[in-house]
Amino acid sequence: MVEVYMHRTVSESADSKIFEIVLVGGPEEIPEEERFRRAAVLPEKVKIMYYGGYEHFVCEDPESAAGAEGPLVFKWVMRTEIAE
């Protein structure tokens, strides 16, 4: 599960803008394919479900993200448990 919250453009096709995101840090066991994502809007935060909790990632440098080339780097900041 990924939750997306903000806005920015990395590449544009005819009518849509696509952001490339790479997630770094957090549990080493997170599969590599989960660490590379594409989104139609730039998230402020990415939250993925992982082993009974959520791993939270935030953009490393949101101010320079607007002009950056290549994938945006989101670093792991915390884990939260799923409430029962």
N, C-alpha and C. Protein backbone atom coordinates (compact mmCIF):
# COMPACT_ATOMS: atom_id res chain seq x y z
N MET A 1 0.84 -1.17 0.00
CA MET A 1 0.00 0.00 0.00
C MET A 1 0.88 1.24 0.00
N VAL A 2 0.58 2.15 -0.88
CA VAL A 2 1.32 3.42 -0.94
C VAL A 2 0.32 4.55 -0.84
N GLU A 3 0.61 5.51 -0.01
CA GLU A 3 -0.23 6.69 0.08
C GLU A 3 0.54 7.86 -0.48
N VAL A 4 -0.12 8.64 -1.28
CA VAL A 4 0.54 9.72 -1.97
C VAL A 4 -0.10 11.04 -1.57
N TYR A 5 0.68 12.08 -1.34
CA TYR A 5 0.16 13.36 -0.87
C TYR A 5 0.67 14.63 -1.56
N MET A 6 1.43 15.00 -2.41
CA MET A 6 1.89 16.35 -2.78
C MET A 6 1.92 16.52 -4.30
N HIS A 7 2.84 17.31 -4.91
CA HIS A 7 2.91 17.46 -6.37
C HIS A 7 4.29 17.86 -6.90
N ARG A 8 4.71 17.29 -8.02
CA ARG A 8 5.97 17.62 -8.73
C ARG A 8 6.08 16.77 -10.00
N THR A 9 6.86 17.20 -11.01
CA THR A 9 6.97 16.49 -12.27
C THR A 9 8.38 16.00 -12.55
N VAL A 10 8.52 14.73 -13.00
CA VAL A 10 9.81 14.21 -13.42
C VAL A 10 9.80 14.00 -14.93
N SER A 11 8.80 13.37 -15.46
CA SER A 11 8.71 13.18 -16.90
C SER A 11 7.27 13.42 -17.33
N GLU A 12 7.11 13.84 -18.56
CA GLU A 12 5.78 14.13 -19.06
C GLU A 12 5.53 13.35 -20.33
N SER A 13 4.33 12.77 -20.42
CA SER A 13 3.88 12.19 -21.68
C SER A 13 2.77 13.11 -22.17
N ALA A 14 2.02 12.70 -23.15
CA ALA A 14 1.02 13.57 -23.76
C ALA A 14 0.18 14.36 -22.75
N ASP A 15 -0.52 13.69 -21.87
CA ASP A 15 -1.40 14.38 -20.94
C ASP A 15 -1.04 14.18 -19.47
N SER A 16 -0.07 13.33 -19.20
CA SER A 16 0.18 13.01 -17.79
C SER A 16 1.63 13.27 -17.40
N LYS A 17 1.82 13.51 -16.12
CA LYS A 17 3.14 13.71 -15.55
C LYS A 17 3.43 12.52 -14.65
N ILE A 18 4.62 11.97 -14.76
CA ILE A 18 4.98 10.79 -13.98
C ILE A 18 6.22 11.11 -13.13
N PHE A 19 6.16 10.74 -11.86
CA PHE A 19 7.27 10.92 -10.94
C PHE A 19 7.91 9.57 -10.67
N GLU A 20 9.23 9.52 -10.74
CA GLU A 20 9.96 8.30 -10.40
C GLU A 20 10.51 8.49 -8.99
N ILE A 21 10.32 7.47 -8.15
CA ILE A 21 10.68 7.54 -6.73
C ILE A 21 11.49 6.32 -6.37
N VAL A 22 12.54 6.51 -5.57
CA VAL A 22 13.30 5.39 -5.01
C VAL A 22 13.29 5.53 -3.49
N LEU A 23 13.00 4.43 -2.80
CA LEU A 23 12.95 4.40 -1.34
C LEU A 23 14.25 3.84 -0.80
N VAL A 24 14.90 4.57 0.10
CA VAL A 24 16.17 4.10 0.68
C VAL A 24 16.05 4.01 2.19
N GLY A 25 16.79 3.08 2.77
CA GLY A 25 16.77 2.88 4.21
C GLY A 25 15.65 1.95 4.62
N GLY A 26 15.42 1.88 5.92
CA GLY A 26 14.39 0.98 6.44
C GLY A 26 14.88 -0.45 6.45
N PRO A 27 13.96 -1.39 6.64
CA PRO A 27 14.34 -2.80 6.70
C PRO A 27 15.01 -3.28 5.41
N GLU A 28 16.13 -3.96 5.54
CA GLU A 28 16.85 -4.47 4.38
C GLU A 28 16.02 -5.48 3.60
N GLU A 29 15.06 -6.13 4.26
CA GLU A 29 14.28 -7.18 3.64
C GLU A 29 13.19 -6.67 2.70
N ILE A 30 12.97 -5.36 2.66
CA ILE A 30 11.98 -4.83 1.71
C ILE A 30 12.50 -5.14 0.31
N PRO A 31 11.69 -5.83 -0.51
CA PRO A 31 12.15 -6.22 -1.85
C PRO A 31 12.51 -5.01 -2.71
N GLU A 32 13.50 -5.18 -3.56
CA GLU A 32 13.97 -4.10 -4.42
C GLU A 32 12.84 -3.55 -5.30
N GLU A 33 11.97 -4.43 -5.79
CA GLU A 33 10.88 -3.96 -6.65
C GLU A 33 9.90 -3.05 -5.89
N GLU A 34 9.85 -3.16 -4.57
CA GLU A 34 9.01 -2.26 -3.76
C GLU A 34 9.67 -0.90 -3.57
N ARG A 35 10.96 -0.83 -3.79
CA ARG A 35 11.70 0.42 -3.55
C ARG A 35 11.68 1.38 -4.74
N PHE A 36 11.25 0.92 -5.89
CA PHE A 36 11.17 1.77 -7.08
C PHE A 36 9.71 1.93 -7.44
N ARG A 37 9.26 3.19 -7.51
CA ARG A 37 7.85 3.47 -7.74
C ARG A 37 7.68 4.59 -8.75
N ARG A 38 6.49 4.63 -9.32
CA ARG A 38 6.10 5.72 -10.20
C ARG A 38 4.76 6.23 -9.69
N ALA A 39 4.57 7.53 -9.74
CA ALA A 39 3.33 8.11 -9.24
C ALA A 39 2.88 9.25 -10.15
N ALA A 40 1.57 9.43 -10.26
CA ALA A 40 1.02 10.50 -11.07
C ALA A 40 1.10 11.85 -10.36
N VAL A 41 1.21 11.83 -9.05
CA VAL A 41 1.42 13.06 -8.26
C VAL A 41 2.61 12.82 -7.36
N LEU A 42 3.32 13.89 -7.03
CA LEU A 42 4.49 13.76 -6.16
C LEU A 42 4.04 13.63 -4.72
N PRO A 43 4.39 12.54 -4.07
CA PRO A 43 4.00 12.39 -2.68
C PRO A 43 4.90 13.20 -1.75
N GLU A 44 4.32 13.69 -0.67
CA GLU A 44 5.11 14.31 0.39
C GLU A 44 5.72 13.19 1.24
N LYS A 45 4.94 12.10 1.34
CA LYS A 45 5.33 10.96 2.16
C LYS A 45 4.90 9.68 1.44
N VAL A 46 5.69 8.62 1.54
CA VAL A 46 5.30 7.31 1.03
C VAL A 46 5.21 6.38 2.23
N LYS A 47 4.11 5.66 2.32
CA LYS A 47 3.89 4.74 3.43
C LYS A 47 3.58 3.37 2.84
N ILE A 48 4.42 2.37 3.16
CA ILE A 48 4.17 1.03 2.64
C ILE A 48 3.88 0.07 3.79
N MET A 49 2.95 -0.84 3.55
CA MET A 49 2.61 -1.85 4.53
C MET A 49 3.71 -2.92 4.50
N TYR A 50 4.20 -3.28 5.70
CA TYR A 50 5.29 -4.26 5.77
C TYR A 50 5.25 -4.98 7.11
N TYR A 51 5.07 -6.28 7.08
CA TYR A 51 5.09 -7.13 8.28
C TYR A 51 4.35 -6.55 9.47
N GLY A 52 3.05 -6.32 9.32
CA GLY A 52 2.22 -5.88 10.43
C GLY A 52 2.38 -4.43 10.83
N GLY A 53 3.00 -3.65 9.99
CA GLY A 53 3.17 -2.23 10.28
C GLY A 53 3.32 -1.44 9.00
N TYR A 54 3.69 -0.19 9.15
CA TYR A 54 3.93 0.67 8.00
C TYR A 54 5.33 1.25 8.10
N GLU A 55 6.03 1.27 6.98
CA GLU A 55 7.33 1.92 6.88
C GLU A 55 7.08 3.27 6.21
N HIS A 56 7.60 4.34 6.80
CA HIS A 56 7.37 5.69 6.32
C HIS A 56 8.65 6.26 5.71
N PHE A 57 8.50 6.88 4.54
CA PHE A 57 9.61 7.48 3.81
C PHE A 57 9.22 8.91 3.44
N VAL A 58 10.19 9.84 3.52
CA VAL A 58 9.93 11.23 3.11
C VAL A 58 11.01 11.66 2.11
N CYS A 59 10.66 12.67 1.30
CA CYS A 59 11.57 13.17 0.28
C CYS A 59 12.82 13.75 0.93
N GLU A 60 13.98 13.33 0.44
CA GLU A 60 15.26 13.75 1.01
C GLU A 60 15.46 15.26 0.92
N ASP A 61 15.11 15.87 -0.20
CA ASP A 61 15.33 17.30 -0.40
C ASP A 61 14.17 17.89 -1.20
N PRO A 62 13.02 18.15 -0.55
CA PRO A 62 11.84 18.60 -1.29
C PRO A 62 12.01 19.94 -2.00
N GLU A 63 12.86 20.84 -1.50
CA GLU A 63 13.04 22.14 -2.14
C GLU A 63 13.70 22.03 -3.51
N SER A 64 14.66 21.12 -3.66
CA SER A 64 15.34 20.99 -4.95
C SER A 64 14.67 19.95 -5.84
N ALA A 65 13.64 19.30 -5.36
CA ALA A 65 12.98 18.25 -6.13
C ALA A 65 12.37 18.77 -7.43
N ALA A 66 11.91 20.01 -7.45
CA ALA A 66 11.24 20.55 -8.63
C ALA A 66 12.13 20.53 -9.87
N GLY A 67 13.43 20.75 -9.72
CA GLY A 67 14.31 20.78 -10.87
C GLY A 67 15.18 19.56 -11.02
N ALA A 68 15.00 18.57 -10.18
CA ALA A 68 15.86 17.39 -10.20
C ALA A 68 15.60 16.50 -11.40
N GLU A 69 16.65 15.83 -11.85
CA GLU A 69 16.52 14.83 -12.90
C GLU A 69 16.69 13.46 -12.27
N GLY A 70 16.08 12.45 -12.87
CA GLY A 70 16.17 11.11 -12.33
C GLY A 70 15.19 10.92 -11.18
N PRO A 71 15.24 9.76 -10.55
CA PRO A 71 14.27 9.49 -9.48
C PRO A 71 14.50 10.34 -8.24
N LEU A 72 13.42 10.66 -7.58
CA LEU A 72 13.49 11.37 -6.31
C LEU A 72 13.82 10.37 -5.21
N VAL A 73 14.69 10.76 -4.30
CA VAL A 73 15.10 9.87 -3.21
C VAL A 73 14.22 10.16 -2.00
N PHE A 74 13.57 9.11 -1.52
CA PHE A 74 12.79 9.18 -0.29
C PHE A 74 13.49 8.32 0.75
N LYS A 75 13.81 8.92 1.90
CA LYS A 75 14.53 8.20 2.96
C LYS A 75 13.56 7.72 4.03
N TRP A 76 13.89 6.56 4.59
CA TRP A 76 13.09 5.98 5.67
C TRP A 76 13.21 6.87 6.90
N VAL A 77 12.05 7.13 7.56
CA VAL A 77 12.07 7.96 8.76
C VAL A 77 11.52 7.24 9.99
N MET A 78 10.59 6.30 9.80
CA MET A 78 10.04 5.61 10.97
C MET A 78 9.16 4.44 10.56
N ARG A 79 8.82 3.66 11.56
CA ARG A 79 7.89 2.54 11.41
C ARG A 79 6.77 2.75 12.41
N THR A 80 5.54 2.47 11.98
CA THR A 80 4.41 2.47 12.90
C THR A 80 3.73 1.12 12.82
N GLU A 81 3.13 0.71 13.92
CA GLU A 81 2.41 -0.56 13.98
C GLU A 81 0.96 -0.33 13.59
N ILE A 82 0.34 -1.35 13.02
CA ILE A 82 -1.07 -1.29 12.67
C ILE A 82 -1.87 -1.44 13.96
N ALA A 83 -2.79 -0.51 14.19
CA ALA A 83 -3.64 -0.57 15.39
C ALA A 83 -4.67 -1.68 15.22
N GLU A 84 -4.92 -2.38 16.30
CA GLU A 84 -5.93 -3.45 16.24
C GLU A 84 -7.19 -3.05 16.92
